[in-house]
Amino acid sequence: MSKIGTDTPNDKLEQDVTENDLPLHCPMPNMSLWNSHPRIFLPLKKNAGSKVKCPYCGTEYKMKAKL
């Protein structure tokens, strides 16, 4: 059985973020709370390309370049 149209942000193990998302925490507001872990704040530098990985779920957050 395929899951069509049921993808959630929790399904992605890589998330692009911007300075507007700081201070960064996981899970993000757009993620389903029913299948998430407790909120944890993650240290992410404002430099484009900087990365941090959530120790609970393994989601990697990457700072996008400014336009």
PDB file of N, CA and C in Angstrom:
ATOM      1  N   MET A   1       0.851  -1.162   0.000  1.00  0.00           N
ATOM      2  CA  MET A   1       0.000   0.000   0.000  1.00  0.00           C
ATOM      3  C   MET A   1       0.904   1.235   0.000  1.00  0.00           C
ATOM      4  N   SER A   2       0.670   2.155  -0.908  1.00  0.00           N
ATOM      5  CA  SER A   2       1.473   3.372  -0.955  1.00  0.00           C
ATOM      6  C   SER A   2       0.793   4.461  -0.153  1.00  0.00           C
ATOM      7  N   LYS A   3       1.612   5.386   0.333  1.00  0.00           N
ATOM      8  CA  LYS A   3       1.033   6.493   1.082  1.00  0.00           C
ATOM      9  C   LYS A   3       1.077   7.743   0.214  1.00  0.00           C
ATOM     10  N   ILE A   4      -0.029   8.032  -0.399  1.00  0.00           N
ATOM     11  CA  ILE A   4      -0.137   9.166  -1.309  1.00  0.00           C
ATOM     12  C   ILE A   4      -0.733  10.340  -0.547  1.00  0.00           C
ATOM     13  N   GLY A   5      -0.033  11.479  -0.599  1.00  0.00           N
ATOM     14  CA  GLY A   5      -0.538  12.684   0.035  1.00  0.00           C
ATOM     15  C   GLY A   5      -0.501  12.681   1.550  1.00  0.00           C
ATOM     16  N   THR A   6       0.299  11.792   2.142  1.00  0.00           N
ATOM     17  CA  THR A   6       0.360  11.735   3.600  1.00  0.00           C
ATOM     18  C   THR A   6       1.715  12.147   4.143  1.00  0.00           C
ATOM     19  N   ASP A   7       2.587  12.671   3.285  1.00  0.00           N
ATOM     20  CA  ASP A   7       3.901  13.096   3.759  1.00  0.00           C
ATOM     21  C   ASP A   7       3.757  14.276   4.711  1.00  0.00           C
ATOM     22  N   THR A   8       4.533  14.275   5.757  1.00  0.00           N
ATOM     23  CA  THR A   8       4.565  15.378   6.707  1.00  0.00           C
ATOM     24  C   THR A   8       5.999  15.843   6.856  1.00  0.00           C
ATOM     25  N   PRO A   9       6.231  17.031   7.431  1.00  0.00           N
ATOM     26  CA  PRO A   9       7.602  17.463   7.665  1.00  0.00           C
ATOM     27  C   PRO A   9       8.374  16.500   8.547  1.00  0.00           C
ATOM     28  N   ASN A  10       7.697  15.696   9.351  1.00  0.00           N
ATOM     29  CA  ASN A  10       8.381  14.706  10.177  1.00  0.00           C
ATOM     30  C   ASN A  10       9.027  13.615   9.329  1.00  0.00           C
ATOM     31  N   ASP A  11       8.578  13.448   8.087  1.00  0.00           N
ATOM     32  CA  ASP A  11       9.127  12.416   7.217  1.00  0.00           C
ATOM     33  C   ASP A  11      10.478  12.812   6.634  1.00  0.00           C
ATOM     34  N   LYS A  12      10.807  14.094   6.668  1.00  0.00           N
ATOM     35  CA  LYS A  12      12.061  14.569   6.087  1.00  0.00           C
ATOM     36  C   LYS A  12      13.156  14.527   7.138  1.00  0.00           C
ATOM     37  N   LEU A  13      14.304  13.985   6.760  1.00  0.00           N
ATOM     38  CA  LEU A  13      15.439  13.981   7.672  1.00  0.00           C
ATOM     39  C   LEU A  13      16.384  15.140   7.402  1.00  0.00           C
ATOM     40  N   GLU A  14      16.050  15.994   6.435  1.00  0.00           N
ATOM     41  CA  GLU A  14      16.827  17.193   6.156  1.00  0.00           C
ATOM     42  C   GLU A  14      15.855  18.359   6.009  1.00  0.00           C
ATOM     43  N   GLN A  15      16.143  19.449   6.702  1.00  0.00           N
ATOM     44  CA  GLN A  15      15.298  20.631   6.648  1.00  0.00           C
ATOM     45  C   GLN A  15      16.175  21.856   6.384  1.00  0.00           C
ATOM     46  N   ASP A  16      15.788  22.683   5.439  1.00  0.00           N
ATOM     47  CA  ASP A  16      16.445  23.961   5.217  1.00  0.00           C
ATOM     48  C   ASP A  16      15.766  24.987   6.101  1.00  0.00           C
ATOM     49  N   VAL A  17      16.571  25.817   6.772  1.00  0.00           N
ATOM     50  CA  VAL A  17      16.023  26.853   7.646  1.00  0.00           C
ATOM     51  C   VAL A  17      16.641  28.202   7.294  1.00  0.00           C
ATOM     52  N   THR A  18      16.002  29.261   7.760  1.00  0.00           N
ATOM     53  CA  THR A  18      16.500  30.619   7.548  1.00  0.00           C
ATOM     54  C   THR A  18      16.666  31.294   8.913  1.00  0.00           C
ATOM     55  N   GLU A  19      17.183  32.518   8.892  1.00  0.00           N
ATOM     56  CA  GLU A  19      17.338  33.264  10.139  1.00  0.00           C
ATOM     57  C   GLU A  19      15.994  33.494  10.819  1.00  0.00           C
ATOM     58  N   ASN A  20      14.918  33.497  10.058  1.00  0.00           N
ATOM     59  CA  ASN A  20      13.587  33.664  10.637  1.00  0.00           C
ATOM     60  C   ASN A  20      13.192  32.498  11.540  1.00  0.00           C
ATOM     61  N   ASP A  21      13.862  31.346  11.376  1.00  0.00           N
ATOM     62  CA  ASP A  21      13.555  30.165  12.181  1.00  0.00           C
ATOM     63  C   ASP A  21      14.347  30.135  13.490  1.00  0.00           C
ATOM     64  N   LEU A  22      15.227  31.094  13.702  1.00  0.00           N
ATOM     65  CA  LEU A  22      16.040  31.134  14.913  1.00  0.00           C
ATOM     66  C   LEU A  22      15.268  31.802  16.038  1.00  0.00           C
ATOM     67  N   PRO A  23      15.407  31.404  17.287  1.00  0.00           N
ATOM     68  CA  PRO A  23      16.223  30.273  17.715  1.00  0.00           C
ATOM     69  C   PRO A  23      15.600  28.961  17.243  1.00  0.00           C
ATOM     70  N   LEU A  24      16.443  28.093  16.756  1.00  0.00           N
ATOM     71  CA  LEU A  24      16.001  26.844  16.137  1.00  0.00           C
ATOM     72  C   LEU A  24      15.643  25.809  17.194  1.00  0.00           C
ATOM     73  N   HIS A  25      14.535  25.148  16.982  1.00  0.00           N
ATOM     74  CA  HIS A  25      14.163  24.047  17.861  1.00  0.00           C
ATOM     75  C   HIS A  25      13.566  22.929  17.025  1.00  0.00           C
ATOM     76  N   CYS A  26      13.641  21.748  17.580  1.00  0.00           N
ATOM     77  CA  CYS A  26      13.075  20.565  16.950  1.00  0.00           C
ATOM     78  C   CYS A  26      12.149  19.931  17.969  1.00  0.00           C
ATOM     79  N   PRO A  27      10.938  19.578  17.617  1.00  0.00           N
ATOM     80  CA  PRO A  27      10.349  19.671  16.297  1.00  0.00           C
ATOM     81  C   PRO A  27       9.978  21.109  15.950  1.00  0.00           C
ATOM     82  N   MET A  28       9.931  21.386  14.650  1.00  0.00           N
ATOM     83  CA  MET A  28       9.559  22.699  14.144  1.00  0.00           C
ATOM     84  C   MET A  28       8.039  22.863  14.257  1.00  0.00           C
ATOM     85  N   PRO A  29       7.544  24.110  14.223  1.00  0.00           N
ATOM     86  CA  PRO A  29       6.095  24.331  14.356  1.00  0.00           C
ATOM     87  C   PRO A  29       5.250  23.638  13.290  1.00  0.00           C
ATOM     88  N   ASN A  30       5.814  23.400  12.106  1.00  0.00           N
ATOM     89  CA  ASN A  30       5.034  22.767  11.039  1.00  0.00           C
ATOM     90  C   ASN A  30       5.048  21.240  11.118  1.00  0.00           C
ATOM     91  N   MET A  31       5.657  20.665  12.141  1.00  0.00           N
ATOM     92  CA  MET A  31       5.709  19.210  12.276  1.00  0.00           C
ATOM     93  C   MET A  31       4.549  18.721  13.139  1.00  0.00           C
ATOM     94  N   SER A  32       4.125  17.515  12.863  1.00  0.00           N
ATOM     95  CA  SER A  32       3.044  16.905  13.647  1.00  0.00           C
ATOM     96  C   SER A  32       3.533  16.640  15.063  1.00  0.00           C
ATOM     97  N   LEU A  33       2.784  17.085  16.046  1.00  0.00           N
ATOM     98  CA  LEU A  33       3.220  16.911  17.426  1.00  0.00           C
ATOM     99  C   LEU A  33       2.920  15.521  17.971  1.00  0.00           C
ATOM    100  N   TRP A  34       1.943  14.858  17.423  1.00  0.00           N
ATOM    101  CA  TRP A  34       1.555  13.558  17.970  1.00  0.00           C
ATOM    102  C   TRP A  34       2.635  12.499  17.821  1.00  0.00           C
ATOM    103  N   ASN A  35       3.537  12.659  16.843  1.00  0.00           N
ATOM    104  CA  ASN A  35       4.585  11.647  16.670  1.00  0.00           C
ATOM    105  C   ASN A  35       5.974  12.251  16.796  1.00  0.00           C
ATOM    106  N   SER A  36       6.094  13.315  17.591  1.00  0.00           N
ATOM    107  CA  SER A  36       7.369  13.982  17.769  1.00  0.00           C
ATOM    108  C   SER A  36       7.898  13.760  19.185  1.00  0.00           C
ATOM    109  N   HIS A  37       9.077  14.253  19.411  1.00  0.00           N
ATOM    110  CA  HIS A  37       9.732  14.158  20.712  1.00  0.00           C
ATOM    111  C   HIS A  37       9.601  15.488  21.446  1.00  0.00           C
ATOM    112  N   PRO A  38      10.067  15.581  22.681  1.00  0.00           N
ATOM    113  CA  PRO A  38      10.019  16.864  23.392  1.00  0.00           C
ATOM    114  C   PRO A  38      10.818  17.935  22.642  1.00  0.00           C
ATOM    115  N   ARG A  39      10.389  19.179  22.763  1.00  0.00           N
ATOM    116  CA  ARG A  39      11.081  20.279  22.074  1.00  0.00           C
ATOM    117  C   ARG A  39      12.488  20.446  22.640  1.00  0.00           C
ATOM    118  N   ILE A  40      13.448  20.559  21.733  1.00  0.00           N
ATOM    119  CA  ILE A  40      14.829  20.788  22.105  1.00  0.00           C
ATOM    120  C   ILE A  40      15.367  21.918  21.233  1.00  0.00           C
ATOM    121  N   PHE A  41      16.067  22.865  21.857  1.00  0.00           N
ATOM    122  CA  PHE A  41      16.662  23.965  21.108  1.00  0.00           C
ATOM    123  C   PHE A  41      18.028  23.532  20.611  1.00  0.00           C
ATOM    124  N   LEU A  42      18.313  23.862  19.347  1.00  0.00           N
ATOM    125  CA  LEU A  42      19.542  23.428  18.693  1.00  0.00           C
ATOM    126  C   LEU A  42      20.405  24.640  18.330  1.00  0.00           C
ATOM    127  N   PRO A  43      21.708  24.578  18.623  1.00  0.00           N
ATOM    128  CA  PRO A  43      22.595  25.694  18.280  1.00  0.00           C
ATOM    129  C   PRO A  43      22.950  25.652  16.795  1.00  0.00           C
ATOM    130  N   LEU A  44      22.551  26.683  16.070  1.00  0.00           N
ATOM    131  CA  LEU A  44      22.856  26.758  14.636  1.00  0.00           C
ATOM    132  C   LEU A  44      23.374  28.152  14.331  1.00  0.00           C
ATOM    133  N   LYS A  45      24.546  28.206  13.709  1.00  0.00           N
ATOM    134  CA  LYS A  45      25.138  29.492  13.351  1.00  0.00           C
ATOM    135  C   LYS A  45      24.395  30.088  12.166  1.00  0.00           C
ATOM    136  N   LYS A  46      24.455  31.408  12.047  1.00  0.00           N
ATOM    137  CA  LYS A  46      23.762  32.115  10.977  1.00  0.00           C
ATOM    138  C   LYS A  46      24.477  32.002   9.640  1.00  0.00           C
ATOM    139  N   ASN A  47      25.643  31.393   9.614  1.00  0.00           N
ATOM    140  CA  ASN A  47      26.392  31.246   8.366  1.00  0.00           C
ATOM    141  C   ASN A  47      25.684  30.288   7.425  1.00  0.00           C
ATOM    142  N   ALA A  48      25.597  30.681   6.157  1.00  0.00           N
ATOM    143  CA  ALA A  48      24.986  29.805   5.150  1.00  0.00           C
ATOM    144  C   ALA A  48      25.757  28.495   5.089  1.00  0.00           C
ATOM    145  N   GLY A  49      25.022  27.417   5.074  1.00  0.00           N
ATOM    146  CA  GLY A  49      25.636  26.097   4.988  1.00  0.00           C
ATOM    147  C   GLY A  49      25.915  25.450   6.332  1.00  0.00           C
ATOM    148  N   SER A  50      25.777  26.196   7.436  1.00  0.00           N
ATOM    149  CA  SER A  50      26.015  25.577   8.735  1.00  0.00           C
ATOM    150  C   SER A  50      24.912  24.556   9.005  1.00  0.00           C
ATOM    151  N   LYS A  51      25.264  23.510   9.749  1.00  0.00           N
ATOM    152  CA  LYS A  51      24.349  22.394   9.976  1.00  0.00           C
ATOM    153  C   LYS A  51      24.339  22.008  11.442  1.00  0.00           C
ATOM    154  N   VAL A  52      23.224  21.441  11.855  1.00  0.00           N
ATOM    155  CA  VAL A  52      23.106  20.854  13.184  1.00  0.00           C
ATOM    156  C   VAL A  52      22.123  19.695  13.079  1.00  0.00           C
ATOM    157  N   LYS A  53      22.361  18.654  13.874  1.00  0.00           N
ATOM    158  CA  LYS A  53      21.512  17.458  13.829  1.00  0.00           C
ATOM    159  C   LYS A  53      20.813  17.286  15.169  1.00  0.00           C
ATOM    160  N   CYS A  54      19.520  16.986  15.108  1.00  0.00           N
ATOM    161  CA  CYS A  54      18.742  16.752  16.317  1.00  0.00           C
ATOM    162  C   CYS A  54      19.159  15.406  16.936  1.00  0.00           C
ATOM    163  N   PRO A  55      19.521  15.411  18.225  1.00  0.00           N
ATOM    164  CA  PRO A  55      19.932  14.152  18.856  1.00  0.00           C
ATOM    165  C   PRO A  55      18.779  13.178  19.088  1.00  0.00           C
ATOM    166  N   TYR A  56      17.539  13.653  19.064  1.00  0.00           N
ATOM    167  CA  TYR A  56      16.386  12.763  19.259  1.00  0.00           C
ATOM    168  C   TYR A  56      16.008  12.028  17.977  1.00  0.00           C
ATOM    169  N   CYS A  57      15.751  12.784  16.915  1.00  0.00           N
ATOM    170  CA  CYS A  57      15.186  12.163  15.707  1.00  0.00           C
ATOM    171  C   CYS A  57      16.170  12.086  14.540  1.00  0.00           C
ATOM    172  N   GLY A  58      17.312  12.752  14.651  1.00  0.00           N
ATOM    173  CA  GLY A  58      18.311  12.689  13.593  1.00  0.00           C
ATOM    174  C   GLY A  58      18.070  13.640  12.439  1.00  0.00           C
ATOM    175  N   THR A  59      17.050  14.490  12.527  1.00  0.00           N
ATOM    176  CA  THR A  59      16.803  15.463  11.466  1.00  0.00           C
ATOM    177  C   THR A  59      17.968  16.444  11.421  1.00  0.00           C
ATOM    178  N   GLU A  60      18.473  16.688  10.222  1.00  0.00           N
ATOM    179  CA  GLU A  60      19.576  17.632  10.052  1.00  0.00           C
ATOM    180  C   GLU A  60      19.025  18.949   9.520  1.00  0.00           C
ATOM    181  N   TYR A  61      19.372  20.023  10.188  1.00  0.00           N
ATOM    182  CA  TYR A  61      18.937  21.361   9.798  1.00  0.00           C
ATOM    183  C   TYR A  61      20.114  22.087   9.174  1.00  0.00           C
ATOM    184  N   LYS A  62      19.857  22.743   8.025  1.00  0.00           N
ATOM    185  CA  LYS A  62      20.907  23.442   7.298  1.00  0.00           C
ATOM    186  C   LYS A  62      20.451  24.875   7.040  1.00  0.00           C
ATOM    187  N   MET A  63      21.337  25.824   7.364  1.00  0.00           N
ATOM    188  CA  MET A  63      21.030  27.236   7.143  1.00  0.00           C
ATOM    189  C   MET A  63      21.139  27.559   5.664  1.00  0.00           C
ATOM    190  N   LYS A  64      20.047  28.124   5.128  1.00  0.00           N
ATOM    191  CA  LYS A  64      20.024  28.526   3.714  1.00  0.00           C
ATOM    192  C   LYS A  64      20.777  29.837   3.542  1.00  0.00           C
ATOM    193  N   ALA A  65      21.281  30.053   2.349  1.00  0.00           N
ATOM    194  CA  ALA A  65      21.964  31.299   2.029  1.00  0.00           C
ATOM    195  C   ALA A  65      20.947  32.425   1.924  1.00  0.00           C
ATOM    196  N   LYS A  66      21.361  33.623   2.296  1.00  0.00           N
ATOM    197  CA  LYS A  66      20.492  34.802   2.135  1.00  0.00           C
ATOM    198  C   LYS A  66      20.389  35.134   0.668  1.00  0.00           C
ATOM    199  N   LEU A  67      19.228  35.617   0.252  1.00  0.00           N
ATOM    200  CA  LEU A  67      19.032  36.021  -1.129  1.00  0.00           C
ATOM    201  C   LEU A  67      19.287  37.482  -1.296  1.00  0.00           C
TER     202      LEU A  67
END
